[in-house]
Amino acid sequence: MLTMTDPAVAKVRELLAKDDRDGYGLRVAVKGGGCSGFQYGLTWENEQKENDSVLEFDGLRVFVDAMSNLYLDGVRIDYVDGLVESGFKIENPNATGTCGCGHSFNV
């Protein structure tokens, strides 16, 4: 199952409030592409689609489609904010390799 750290949940809430998206949650998806074969997608979502799993982290809804679920088991989403790097960090124990930028992976 996918998990999110407290800083990641807080950042998503902050961004939703900034964009005035009441009732929305986060969609986490895996799509073909990127330099390693698969890439992650994070988008806003306000309704469950057929075959979605809906996870909840401190009231934040996270939507995952059935195909993406196959690649996201054990994934941890964190948010880092530092001098060198800021943004969402996705740790995927299923990935056998990643690209240099860390935005795509292979299994």
PDB file of N, CA and C in Angstrom:
ATOM      1  N   MET A   1       0.838  -1.187   0.000  1.00  0.00           N
ATOM      2  CA  MET A   1       0.000   0.000   0.000  1.00  0.00           C
ATOM      3  C   MET A   1       0.884   1.252   0.000  1.00  0.00           C
ATOM      4  N   LEU A   2       0.463   2.258  -0.674  1.00  0.00           N
ATOM      5  CA  LEU A   2       1.128   3.555  -0.732  1.00  0.00           C
ATOM      6  C   LEU A   2       0.977   4.281   0.601  1.00  0.00           C
ATOM      7  N   THR A   3       2.029   4.975   1.043  1.00  0.00           N
ATOM      8  CA  THR A   3       1.940   5.783   2.255  1.00  0.00           C
ATOM      9  C   THR A   3       2.450   7.190   1.961  1.00  0.00           C
ATOM     10  N   MET A   4       2.030   8.131   2.793  1.00  0.00           N
ATOM     11  CA  MET A   4       2.480   9.516   2.686  1.00  0.00           C
ATOM     12  C   MET A   4       2.942   9.992   4.054  1.00  0.00           C
ATOM     13  N   THR A   5       4.041  10.737   4.066  1.00  0.00           N
ATOM     14  CA  THR A   5       4.531  11.295   5.321  1.00  0.00           C
ATOM     15  C   THR A   5       3.686  12.512   5.702  1.00  0.00           C
ATOM     16  N   ASP A   6       3.790  12.907   6.970  1.00  0.00           N
ATOM     17  CA  ASP A   6       3.070  14.099   7.435  1.00  0.00           C
ATOM     18  C   ASP A   6       3.462  15.351   6.643  1.00  0.00           C
ATOM     19  N   PRO A   7       4.771  15.578   6.351  1.00  0.00           N
ATOM     20  CA  PRO A   7       5.124  16.757   5.555  1.00  0.00           C
ATOM     21  C   PRO A   7       4.502  16.731   4.149  1.00  0.00           C
ATOM     22  N   ALA A   8       4.382  15.553   3.547  1.00  0.00           N
ATOM     23  CA  ALA A   8       3.771  15.459   2.211  1.00  0.00           C
ATOM     24  C   ALA A   8       2.283  15.795   2.277  1.00  0.00           C
ATOM     25  N   VAL A   9       1.599  15.262   3.269  1.00  0.00           N
ATOM     26  CA  VAL A   9       0.171  15.549   3.439  1.00  0.00           C
ATOM     27  C   VAL A   9      -0.035  17.042   3.677  1.00  0.00           C
ATOM     28  N   ALA A  10       0.796  17.630   4.526  1.00  0.00           N
ATOM     29  CA  ALA A  10       0.678  19.062   4.823  1.00  0.00           C
ATOM     30  C   ALA A  10       0.903  19.904   3.575  1.00  0.00           C
ATOM     31  N   LYS A  11       1.870  19.533   2.741  1.00  0.00           N
ATOM     32  CA  LYS A  11       2.153  20.308   1.525  1.00  0.00           C
ATOM     33  C   LYS A  11       1.002  20.192   0.526  1.00  0.00           C
ATOM     34  N   VAL A  12       0.441  18.996   0.382  1.00  0.00           N
ATOM     35  CA  VAL A  12      -0.700  18.824  -0.524  1.00  0.00           C
ATOM     36  C   VAL A  12      -1.864  19.690  -0.044  1.00  0.00           C
ATOM     37  N   ARG A  13      -2.138  19.681   1.249  1.00  0.00           N
ATOM     38  CA  ARG A  13      -3.214  20.517   1.806  1.00  0.00           C
ATOM     39  C   ARG A  13      -2.954  21.998   1.529  1.00  0.00           C
ATOM     40  N   GLU A  14      -1.711  22.419   1.720  1.00  0.00           N
ATOM     41  CA  GLU A  14      -1.338  23.812   1.462  1.00  0.00           C
ATOM     42  C   GLU A  14      -1.579  24.188   0.003  1.00  0.00           C
ATOM     43  N   LEU A  15      -1.174  23.316  -0.916  1.00  0.00           N
ATOM     44  CA  LEU A  15      -1.353  23.590  -2.340  1.00  0.00           C
ATOM     45  C   LEU A  15      -2.828  23.583  -2.741  1.00  0.00           C
ATOM     46  N   LEU A  16      -3.607  22.674  -2.174  1.00  0.00           N
ATOM     47  CA  LEU A  16      -5.043  22.649  -2.460  1.00  0.00           C
ATOM     48  C   LEU A  16      -5.705  23.935  -1.986  1.00  0.00           C
ATOM     49  N   ALA A  17      -5.335  24.408  -0.805  1.00  0.00           N
ATOM     50  CA  ALA A  17      -5.911  25.652  -0.273  1.00  0.00           C
ATOM     51  C   ALA A  17      -5.497  26.839  -1.135  1.00  0.00           C
ATOM     52  N   LYS A  18      -4.234  26.860  -1.548  1.00  0.00           N
ATOM     53  CA  LYS A  18      -3.729  27.956  -2.383  1.00  0.00           C
ATOM     54  C   LYS A  18      -4.478  28.026  -3.708  1.00  0.00           C
ATOM     55  N   ASP A  19      -4.804  26.848  -4.272  1.00  0.00           N
ATOM     56  CA  ASP A  19      -5.524  26.787  -5.554  1.00  0.00           C
ATOM     57  C   ASP A  19      -7.039  26.826  -5.379  1.00  0.00           C
ATOM     58  N   ASP A  20      -7.507  27.013  -4.114  1.00  0.00           N
ATOM     59  CA  ASP A  20      -8.939  27.074  -3.807  1.00  0.00           C
ATOM     60  C   ASP A  20      -9.679  25.854  -4.356  1.00  0.00           C
ATOM     61  N   ARG A  21      -9.201  24.671  -3.999  1.00  0.00           N
ATOM     62  CA  ARG A  21      -9.774  23.416  -4.486  1.00  0.00           C
ATOM     63  C   ARG A  21     -10.428  22.633  -3.353  1.00  0.00           C
ATOM     64  N   ASP A  22     -11.463  23.207  -2.786  1.00  0.00           N
ATOM     65  CA  ASP A  22     -12.223  22.517  -1.746  1.00  0.00           C
ATOM     66  C   ASP A  22     -12.812  21.232  -2.309  1.00  0.00           C
ATOM     67  N   GLY A  23     -12.762  20.154  -1.540  1.00  0.00           N
ATOM     68  CA  GLY A  23     -13.339  18.886  -1.967  1.00  0.00           C
ATOM     69  C   GLY A  23     -12.426  18.055  -2.839  1.00  0.00           C
ATOM     70  N   TYR A  24     -11.246  18.544  -3.154  1.00  0.00           N
ATOM     71  CA  TYR A  24     -10.312  17.817  -4.003  1.00  0.00           C
ATOM     72  C   TYR A  24      -9.349  16.998  -3.155  1.00  0.00           C
ATOM     73  N   GLY A  25      -8.745  16.027  -3.808  1.00  0.00           N
ATOM     74  CA  GLY A  25      -7.691  15.224  -3.230  1.00  0.00           C
ATOM     75  C   GLY A  25      -6.569  15.114  -4.244  1.00  0.00           C
ATOM     76  N   LEU A  26      -5.707  14.153  -4.026  1.00  0.00           N
ATOM     77  CA  LEU A  26      -4.541  13.948  -4.879  1.00  0.00           C
ATOM     78  C   LEU A  26      -4.691  12.644  -5.639  1.00  0.00           C
ATOM     79  N   ARG A  27      -4.443  12.676  -6.945  1.00  0.00           N
ATOM     80  CA  ARG A  27      -4.372  11.445  -7.732  1.00  0.00           C
ATOM     81  C   ARG A  27      -2.903  11.121  -7.952  1.00  0.00           C
ATOM     82  N   VAL A  28      -2.532   9.888  -7.599  1.00  0.00           N
ATOM     83  CA  VAL A  28      -1.173   9.393  -7.817  1.00  0.00           C
ATOM     84  C   VAL A  28      -1.271   8.317  -8.886  1.00  0.00           C
ATOM     85  N   ALA A  29      -0.490   8.469  -9.950  1.00  0.00           N
ATOM     86  CA  ALA A  29      -0.574   7.530 -11.067  1.00  0.00           C
ATOM     87  C   ALA A  29       0.817   7.177 -11.575  1.00  0.00           C
ATOM     88  N   VAL A  30       0.884   6.053 -12.249  1.00  0.00           N
ATOM     89  CA  VAL A  30       2.088   5.633 -12.955  1.00  0.00           C
ATOM     90  C   VAL A  30       1.709   5.553 -14.425  1.00  0.00           C
ATOM     91  N   LYS A  31       2.529   6.179 -15.257  1.00  0.00           N
ATOM     92  CA  LYS A  31       2.271   6.210 -16.694  1.00  0.00           C
ATOM     93  C   LYS A  31       3.524   5.769 -17.426  1.00  0.00           C
ATOM     94  N   GLY A  32       3.341   5.234 -18.620  1.00  0.00           N
ATOM     95  CA  GLY A  32       4.480   4.904 -19.455  1.00  0.00           C
ATOM     96  C   GLY A  32       5.159   6.181 -19.911  1.00  0.00           C
ATOM     97  N   GLY A  33       6.488   6.155 -19.973  1.00  0.00           N
ATOM     98  CA  GLY A  33       7.234   7.315 -20.442  1.00  0.00           C
ATOM     99  C   GLY A  33       8.431   7.599 -19.571  1.00  0.00           C
ATOM    100  N   GLY A  34       9.042   8.712 -19.816  1.00  0.00           N
ATOM    101  CA  GLY A  34      10.258   9.059 -19.085  1.00  0.00           C
ATOM    102  C   GLY A  34      11.432   8.276 -19.644  1.00  0.00           C
ATOM    103  N   CYS A  35      12.604   8.602 -19.197  1.00  0.00           N
ATOM    104  CA  CYS A  35      13.799   7.962 -19.746  1.00  0.00           C
ATOM    105  C   CYS A  35      14.042   6.564 -19.190  1.00  0.00           C
ATOM    106  N   SER A  36      13.286   6.147 -18.171  1.00  0.00           N
ATOM    107  CA  SER A  36      13.466   4.800 -17.619  1.00  0.00           C
ATOM    108  C   SER A  36      12.267   3.891 -17.847  1.00  0.00           C
ATOM    109  N   GLY A  37      11.249   4.335 -18.549  1.00  0.00           N
ATOM    110  CA  GLY A  37      10.116   3.481 -18.885  1.00  0.00           C
ATOM    111  C   GLY A  37       8.798   3.853 -18.240  1.00  0.00           C
ATOM    112  N   PHE A  38       8.813   4.277 -16.977  1.00  0.00           N
ATOM    113  CA  PHE A  38       7.602   4.691 -16.273  1.00  0.00           C
ATOM    114  C   PHE A  38       7.857   6.019 -15.588  1.00  0.00           C
ATOM    115  N   GLN A  39       6.798   6.782 -15.423  1.00  0.00           N
ATOM    116  CA  GLN A  39       6.927   8.030 -14.682  1.00  0.00           C
ATOM    117  C   GLN A  39       5.716   8.220 -13.773  1.00  0.00           C
ATOM    118  N   TYR A  40       5.924   8.977 -12.715  1.00  0.00           N
ATOM    119  CA  TYR A  40       4.870   9.252 -11.750  1.00  0.00           C
ATOM    120  C   TYR A  40       4.073  10.467 -12.191  1.00  0.00           C
ATOM    121  N   GLY A  41       2.794  10.443 -11.853  1.00  0.00           N
ATOM    122  CA  GLY A  41       1.942  11.599 -12.105  1.00  0.00           C
ATOM    123  C   GLY A  41       1.207  11.973 -10.820  1.00  0.00           C
ATOM    124  N   LEU A  42       1.233  13.245 -10.475  1.00  0.00           N
ATOM    125  CA  LEU A  42       0.503  13.779  -9.323  1.00  0.00           C
ATOM    126  C   LEU A  42      -0.409  14.878  -9.847  1.00  0.00           C
ATOM    127  N   THR A  43      -1.707  14.701  -9.690  1.00  0.00           N
ATOM    128  CA  THR A  43      -2.681  15.686 -10.165  1.00  0.00           C
ATOM    129  C   THR A  43      -3.803  15.821  -9.143  1.00  0.00           C
ATOM    130  N   TRP A  44      -4.584  16.877  -9.277  1.00  0.00           N
ATOM    131  CA  TRP A  44      -5.747  17.083  -8.407  1.00  0.00           C
ATOM    132  C   TRP A  44      -6.903  16.240  -8.919  1.00  0.00           C
ATOM    133  N   GLU A  45      -7.706  15.742  -7.988  1.00  0.00           N
ATOM    134  CA  GLU A  45      -8.871  14.930  -8.344  1.00  0.00           C
ATOM    135  C   GLU A  45      -9.993  15.222  -7.360  1.00  0.00           C
ATOM    136  N   ASN A  46     -11.231  15.257  -7.867  1.00  0.00           N
ATOM    137  CA  ASN A  46     -12.351  15.497  -6.955  1.00  0.00           C
ATOM    138  C   ASN A  46     -13.411  14.406  -6.991  1.00  0.00           C
ATOM    139  N   GLU A  47     -13.187  13.351  -7.767  1.00  0.00           N
ATOM    140  CA  GLU A  47     -14.153  12.257  -7.727  1.00  0.00           C
ATOM    141  C   GLU A  47     -13.486  10.919  -8.029  1.00  0.00           C
ATOM    142  N   GLN A  48     -14.021   9.900  -7.379  1.00  0.00           N
ATOM    143  CA  GLN A  48     -13.504   8.552  -7.566  1.00  0.00           C
ATOM    144  C   GLN A  48     -13.970   8.022  -8.911  1.00  0.00           C
ATOM    145  N   LYS A  49     -13.038   7.414  -9.648  1.00  0.00           N
ATOM    146  CA  LYS A  49     -13.372   6.785 -10.920  1.00  0.00           C
ATOM    147  C   LYS A  49     -13.511   5.280 -10.711  1.00  0.00           C
ATOM    148  N   GLU A  50     -14.135   4.618 -11.676  1.00  0.00           N
ATOM    149  CA  GLU A  50     -14.304   3.176 -11.589  1.00  0.00           C
ATOM    150  C   GLU A  50     -12.938   2.512 -11.438  1.00  0.00           C
ATOM    151  N   ASN A  51     -12.842   1.538 -10.557  1.00  0.00           N
ATOM    152  CA  ASN A  51     -11.623   0.782 -10.258  1.00  0.00           C
ATOM    153  C   ASN A  51     -10.554   1.571  -9.509  1.00  0.00           C
ATOM    154  N   ASP A  52     -10.885   2.750  -8.992  1.00  0.00           N
ATOM    155  CA  ASP A  52      -9.945   3.490  -8.150  1.00  0.00           C
ATOM    156  C   ASP A  52      -9.932   2.923  -6.739  1.00  0.00           C
ATOM    157  N   SER A  53      -8.769   2.960  -6.137  1.00  0.00           N
ATOM    158  CA  SER A  53      -8.653   2.785  -4.694  1.00  0.00           C
ATOM    159  C   SER A  53      -8.580   4.187  -4.125  1.00  0.00           C
ATOM    160  N   VAL A  54      -9.213   4.402  -2.987  1.00  0.00           N
ATOM    161  CA  VAL A  54      -9.155   5.702  -2.342  1.00  0.00           C
ATOM    162  C   VAL A  54      -8.552   5.502  -0.961  1.00  0.00           C
ATOM    163  N   LEU A  55      -7.401   6.116  -0.750  1.00  0.00           N
ATOM    164  CA  LEU A  55      -6.721   6.072   0.536  1.00  0.00           C
ATOM    165  C   LEU A  55      -6.972   7.388   1.245  1.00  0.00           C
ATOM    166  N   GLU A  56      -6.860   7.374   2.553  1.00  0.00           N
ATOM    167  CA  GLU A  56      -7.055   8.611   3.298  1.00  0.00           C
ATOM    168  C   GLU A  56      -5.920   8.792   4.295  1.00  0.00           C
ATOM    169  N   PHE A  57      -5.333   9.976   4.272  1.00  0.00           N
ATOM    170  CA  PHE A  57      -4.253  10.326   5.180  1.00  0.00           C
ATOM    171  C   PHE A  57      -4.653  11.605   5.904  1.00  0.00           C
ATOM    172  N   ASP A  58      -5.043  11.468   7.149  1.00  0.00           N
ATOM    173  CA  ASP A  58      -5.455  12.608   7.964  1.00  0.00           C
ATOM    174  C   ASP A  58      -6.506  13.463   7.249  1.00  0.00           C
ATOM    175  N   GLY A  59      -7.482  12.790   6.629  1.00  0.00           N
ATOM    176  CA  GLY A  59      -8.566  13.480   5.941  1.00  0.00           C
ATOM    177  C   GLY A  59      -8.293  13.822   4.491  1.00  0.00           C
ATOM    178  N   LEU A  60      -7.063  13.647   4.023  1.00  0.00           N
ATOM    179  CA  LEU A  60      -6.719  13.905   2.620  1.00  0.00           C
ATOM    180  C   LEU A  60      -6.988  12.642   1.815  1.00  0.00           C
ATOM    181  N   ARG A  61      -7.829  12.756   0.794  1.00  0.00           N
ATOM    182  CA  ARG A  61      -8.115  11.612  -0.071  1.00  0.00           C
ATOM    183  C   ARG A  61      -7.041  11.496  -1.149  1.00  0.00           C
ATOM    184  N   VAL A  62      -6.586  10.263  -1.362  1.00  0.00           N
ATOM    185  CA  VAL A  62      -5.593   9.972  -2.401  1.00  0.00           C
ATOM    186  C   VAL A  62      -6.177   8.886  -3.292  1.00  0.00           C
ATOM    187  N   PHE A  63      -6.295   9.181  -4.581  1.00  0.00           N
ATOM    188  CA  PHE A  63      -6.904   8.292  -5.563  1.00  0.00           C
ATOM    189  C   PHE A  63      -5.808   7.581  -6.354  1.00  0.00           C
ATOM    190  N   VAL A  64      -5.966   6.253  -6.517  1.00  0.00           N
ATOM    191  CA  VAL A  64      -5.007   5.459  -7.282  1.00  0.00           C
ATOM    192  C   VAL A  64      -5.789   4.509  -8.173  1.00  0.00           C
ATOM    193  N   ASP A  65      -5.516   4.544  -9.480  1.00  0.00           N
ATOM    194  CA  ASP A  65      -6.206   3.635 -10.396  1.00  0.00           C
ATOM    195  C   ASP A  65      -5.628   2.231 -10.266  1.00  0.00           C
ATOM    196  N   ALA A  66      -6.366   1.239 -10.754  1.00  0.00           N
ATOM    197  CA  ALA A  66      -5.997  -0.169 -10.579  1.00  0.00           C
ATOM    198  C   ALA A  66      -4.646  -0.499 -11.199  1.00  0.00           C
ATOM    199  N   MET A  67      -4.338   0.010 -12.383  1.00  0.00           N
ATOM    200  CA  MET A  67      -3.059  -0.284 -13.024  1.00  0.00           C
ATOM    201  C   MET A  67      -1.904   0.302 -12.224  1.00  0.00           C
ATOM    202  N   SER A  68      -2.055   1.529 -11.770  1.00  0.00           N
ATOM    203  CA  SER A  68      -0.994   2.179 -10.996  1.00  0.00           C
ATOM    204  C   SER A  68      -0.759   1.470  -9.671  1.00  0.00           C
ATOM    205  N   ASN A  69      -1.824   0.917  -9.093  1.00  0.00           N
ATOM    206  CA  ASN A  69      -1.708   0.185  -7.836  1.00  0.00           C
ATOM    207  C   ASN A  69      -0.662  -0.930  -7.921  1.00  0.00           C
ATOM    208  N   LEU A  70      -0.532  -1.545  -9.105  1.00  0.00           N
ATOM    209  CA  LEU A  70       0.432  -2.625  -9.292  1.00  0.00           C
ATOM    210  C   LEU A  70       1.864  -2.150  -9.068  1.00  0.00           C
ATOM    211  N   TYR A  71       2.151  -0.897  -9.366  1.00  0.00           N
ATOM    212  CA  TYR A  71       3.507  -0.348  -9.282  1.00  0.00           C
ATOM    213  C   TYR A  71       3.754   0.481  -8.021  1.00  0.00           C
ATOM    214  N   LEU A  72       2.701   0.760  -7.260  1.00  0.00           N
ATOM    215  CA  LEU A  72       2.825   1.653  -6.112  1.00  0.00           C
ATOM    216  C   LEU A  72       2.779   0.947  -4.759  1.00  0.00           C
ATOM    217  N   ASP A  73       2.758  -0.381  -4.754  1.00  0.00           N
ATOM    218  CA  ASP A  73       2.736  -1.105  -3.491  1.00  0.00           C
ATOM    219  C   ASP A  73       4.042  -0.857  -2.732  1.00  0.00           C
ATOM    220  N   GLY A  74       3.939  -0.356  -1.525  1.00  0.00           N
ATOM    221  CA  GLY A  74       5.116  -0.073  -0.710  1.00  0.00           C
ATOM    222  C   GLY A  74       5.743   1.288  -0.944  1.00  0.00           C
ATOM    223  N   VAL A  75       5.182   2.067  -1.855  1.00  0.00           N
ATOM    224  CA  VAL A  75       5.724   3.392  -2.173  1.00  0.00           C
ATOM    225  C   VAL A  75       5.465   4.357  -1.019  1.00  0.00           C
ATOM    226  N   ARG A  76       6.454   5.202  -0.778  1.00  0.00           N
ATOM    227  CA  ARG A  76       6.362   6.229   0.271  1.00  0.00           C
ATOM    228  C   ARG A  76       6.557   7.583  -0.396  1.00  0.00           C
ATOM    229  N   ILE A  77       5.592   8.487  -0.204  1.00  0.00           N
ATOM    230  CA  ILE A  77       5.686   9.842  -0.748  1.00  0.00           C
ATOM    231  C   ILE A  77       6.014  10.784   0.397  1.00  0.00           C
ATOM    232  N   ASP A  78       7.081  11.553   0.223  1.00  0.00           N
ATOM    233  CA  ASP A  78       7.546  12.500   1.222  1.00  0.00           C
ATOM    234  C   ASP A  78       7.629  13.869   0.565  1.00  0.00           C
ATOM    235  N   TYR A  79       7.730  14.900   1.374  1.00  0.00           N
ATOM    236  CA  TYR A  79       7.993  16.242   0.864  1.00  0.00           C
ATOM    237  C   TYR A  79       9.236  16.763   1.566  1.00  0.00           C
ATOM    238  N   VAL A  80      10.220  17.183   0.771  1.00  0.00           N
ATOM    239  CA  VAL A  80      11.448  17.730   1.330  1.00  0.00           C
ATOM    240  C   VAL A  80      11.552  19.198   0.946  1.00  0.00           C
ATOM    241  N   ASP A  81      12.086  19.991   1.859  1.00  0.00           N
ATOM    242  CA  ASP A  81      12.245  21.418   1.621  1.00  0.00           C
ATOM    243  C   ASP A  81      13.600  21.827   2.177  1.00  0.00           C
ATOM    244  N   GLY A  82      14.573  21.875   1.303  1.00  0.00           N
ATOM    245  CA  GLY A  82      15.930  22.180   1.736  1.00  0.00           C
ATOM    246  C   GLY A  82      16.612  23.159   0.806  1.00  0.00           C
ATOM    247  N   LEU A  83      17.845  23.462   1.106  1.00  0.00           N
ATOM    248  CA  LEU A  83      18.618  24.406   0.297  1.00  0.00           C
ATOM    249  C   LEU A  83      18.923  23.859  -1.087  1.00  0.00           C
ATOM    250  N   VAL A  84      19.180  22.568  -1.173  1.00  0.00           N
ATOM    251  CA  VAL A  84      19.579  21.960  -2.441  1.00  0.00           C
ATOM    252  C   VAL A  84      18.381  21.422  -3.211  1.00  0.00           C
ATOM    253  N   GLU A  85      17.403  20.912  -2.486  1.00  0.00           N
ATOM    254  CA  GLU A  85      16.291  20.237  -3.144  1.00  0.00           C
ATOM    255  C   GLU A  85      14.992  20.505  -2.400  1.00  0.00           C
ATOM    256  N   SER A  86      13.936  20.814  -3.148  1.00  0.00           N
ATOM    257  CA  SER A  86      12.600  20.961  -2.580  1.00  0.00           C
ATOM    258  C   SER A  86      11.614  20.281  -3.512  1.00  0.00           C
ATOM    259  N   GLY A  87      10.660  19.568  -2.939  1.00  0.00           N
ATOM    260  CA  GLY A  87       9.635  18.931  -3.744  1.00  0.00           C
ATOM    261  C   GLY A  87       9.230  17.597  -3.179  1.00  0.00           C
ATOM    262  N   PHE A  88       8.323  16.951  -3.890  1.00  0.00           N
ATOM    263  CA  PHE A  88       7.859  15.639  -3.478  1.00  0.00           C
ATOM    264  C   PHE A  88       8.909  14.602  -3.863  1.00  0.00           C
ATOM    265  N   LYS A  89       9.168  13.696  -2.949  1.00  0.00           N
ATOM    266  CA  LYS A  89      10.141  12.631  -3.166  1.00  0.00           C
ATOM    267  C   LYS A  89       9.397  11.311  -3.067  1.00  0.00           C
ATOM    268  N   ILE A  90       9.503  10.500  -4.106  1.00  0.00           N
ATOM    269  CA  ILE A  90       8.807   9.221  -4.150  1.00  0.00           C
ATOM    270  C   ILE A  90       9.839   8.110  -4.031  1.00  0.00           C
ATOM    271  N   GLU A  91       9.694   7.307  -2.986  1.00  0.00           N
ATOM    272  CA  GLU A  91      10.584   6.171  -2.750  1.00  0.00           C
ATOM    273  C   GLU A  91       9.825   4.909  -3.109  1.00  0.00           C
ATOM    274  N   ASN A  92      10.299   4.207  -4.130  1.00  0.00           N
ATOM    275  CA  ASN A  92       9.611   3.028  -4.628  1.00  0.00           C
ATOM    276  C   ASN A  92      10.501   1.796  -4.489  1.00  0.00           C
ATOM    277  N   PRO A  93      10.171   0.892  -3.550  1.00  0.00           N
ATOM    278  CA  PRO A  93      10.994  -0.301  -3.364  1.00  0.00           C
ATOM    279  C   PRO A  93      10.892  -1.287  -4.529  1.00  0.00           C
ATOM    280  N   ASN A  94       9.931  -1.101  -5.414  1.00  0.00           N
ATOM    281  CA  ASN A  94       9.751  -1.993  -6.560  1.00  0.00           C
ATOM    282  C   ASN A  94      10.619  -1.601  -7.748  1.00  0.00           C
ATOM    283  N   ALA A  95      11.144  -0.384  -7.745  1.00  0.00           N
ATOM    284  CA  ALA A  95      11.937   0.105  -8.872  1.00  0.00           C
ATOM    285  C   ALA A  95      13.294  -0.588  -8.900  1.00  0.00           C
ATOM    286  N   THR A  96      13.665  -1.093 -10.068  1.00  0.00           N
ATOM    287  CA  THR A  96      14.977  -1.719 -10.225  1.00  0.00           C
ATOM    288  C   THR A  96      16.004  -0.729 -10.746  1.00  0.00           C
ATOM    289  N   GLY A  97      15.527   0.445 -11.164  1.00  0.00           N
ATOM    290  CA  GLY A  97      16.417   1.502 -11.632  1.00  0.00           C
ATOM    291  C   GLY A  97      15.642   2.787 -11.800  1.00  0.00           C
ATOM    292  N   THR A  98      16.351   3.896 -11.740  1.00  0.00           N
ATOM    293  CA  THR A  98      15.735   5.208 -11.949  1.00  0.00           C
ATOM    294  C   THR A  98      16.622   6.020 -12.876  1.00  0.00           C
ATOM    295  N   CYS A  99      16.065   7.083 -13.407  1.00  0.00           N
ATOM    296  CA  CYS A  99      16.851   7.979 -14.236  1.00  0.00           C
ATOM    297  C   CYS A  99      17.609   8.952 -13.335  1.00  0.00           C
ATOM    298  N   GLY A 100      18.482   9.720 -13.920  1.00  0.00           N
ATOM    299  CA  GLY A 100      19.284  10.672 -13.159  1.00  0.00           C
ATOM    300  C   GLY A 100      18.458  11.737 -12.455  1.00  0.00           C
ATOM    301  N   CYS A 101      17.339  12.136 -13.046  1.00  0.00           N
ATOM    302  CA  CYS A 101      16.521  13.190 -12.435  1.00  0.00           C
ATOM    303  C   CYS A 101      15.596  12.650 -11.350  1.00  0.00           C
ATOM    304  N   GLY A 102      15.406  11.311 -11.311  1.00  0.00           N
ATOM    305  CA  GLY A 102      14.555  10.712 -10.293  1.00  0.00           C
ATOM    306  C   GLY A 102      13.070  10.771 -10.571  1.00  0.00           C
ATOM    307  N   HIS A 103      12.680  11.212 -11.775  1.00  0.00           N
ATOM    308  CA  HIS A 103      11.262  11.333 -12.100  1.00  0.00           C
ATOM    309  C   HIS A 103      10.705  10.132 -12.856  1.00  0.00           C
ATOM    310  N   SER A 104      11.577   9.236 -13.281  1.00  0.00           N
ATOM    311  CA  SER A 104      11.084   8.033 -13.937  1.00  0.00           C
ATOM    312  C   SER A 104      11.839   6.824 -13.389  1.00  0.00           C
ATOM    313  N   PHE A 105      11.255   5.641 -13.627  1.00  0.00           N
ATOM    314  CA  PHE A 105      11.815   4.428 -13.056  1.00  0.00           C
ATOM    315  C   PHE A 105      11.498   3.241 -13.949  1.00  0.00           C
ATOM    316  N   ASN A 106      12.159   2.109 -13.672  1.00  0.00           N
ATOM    317  CA  ASN A 106      11.801   0.858 -14.331  1.00  0.00           C
ATOM    318  C   ASN A 106      11.665  -0.211 -13.271  1.00  0.00           C
ATOM    319  N   VAL A 107      10.965  -1.284 -13.661  1.00  0.00           N
ATOM    320  CA  VAL A 107      10.740  -2.403 -12.733  1.00  0.00           C
ATOM    321  C   VAL A 107      11.157  -3.689 -13.398  1.00  0.00           C
TER     322      VAL A 107
END
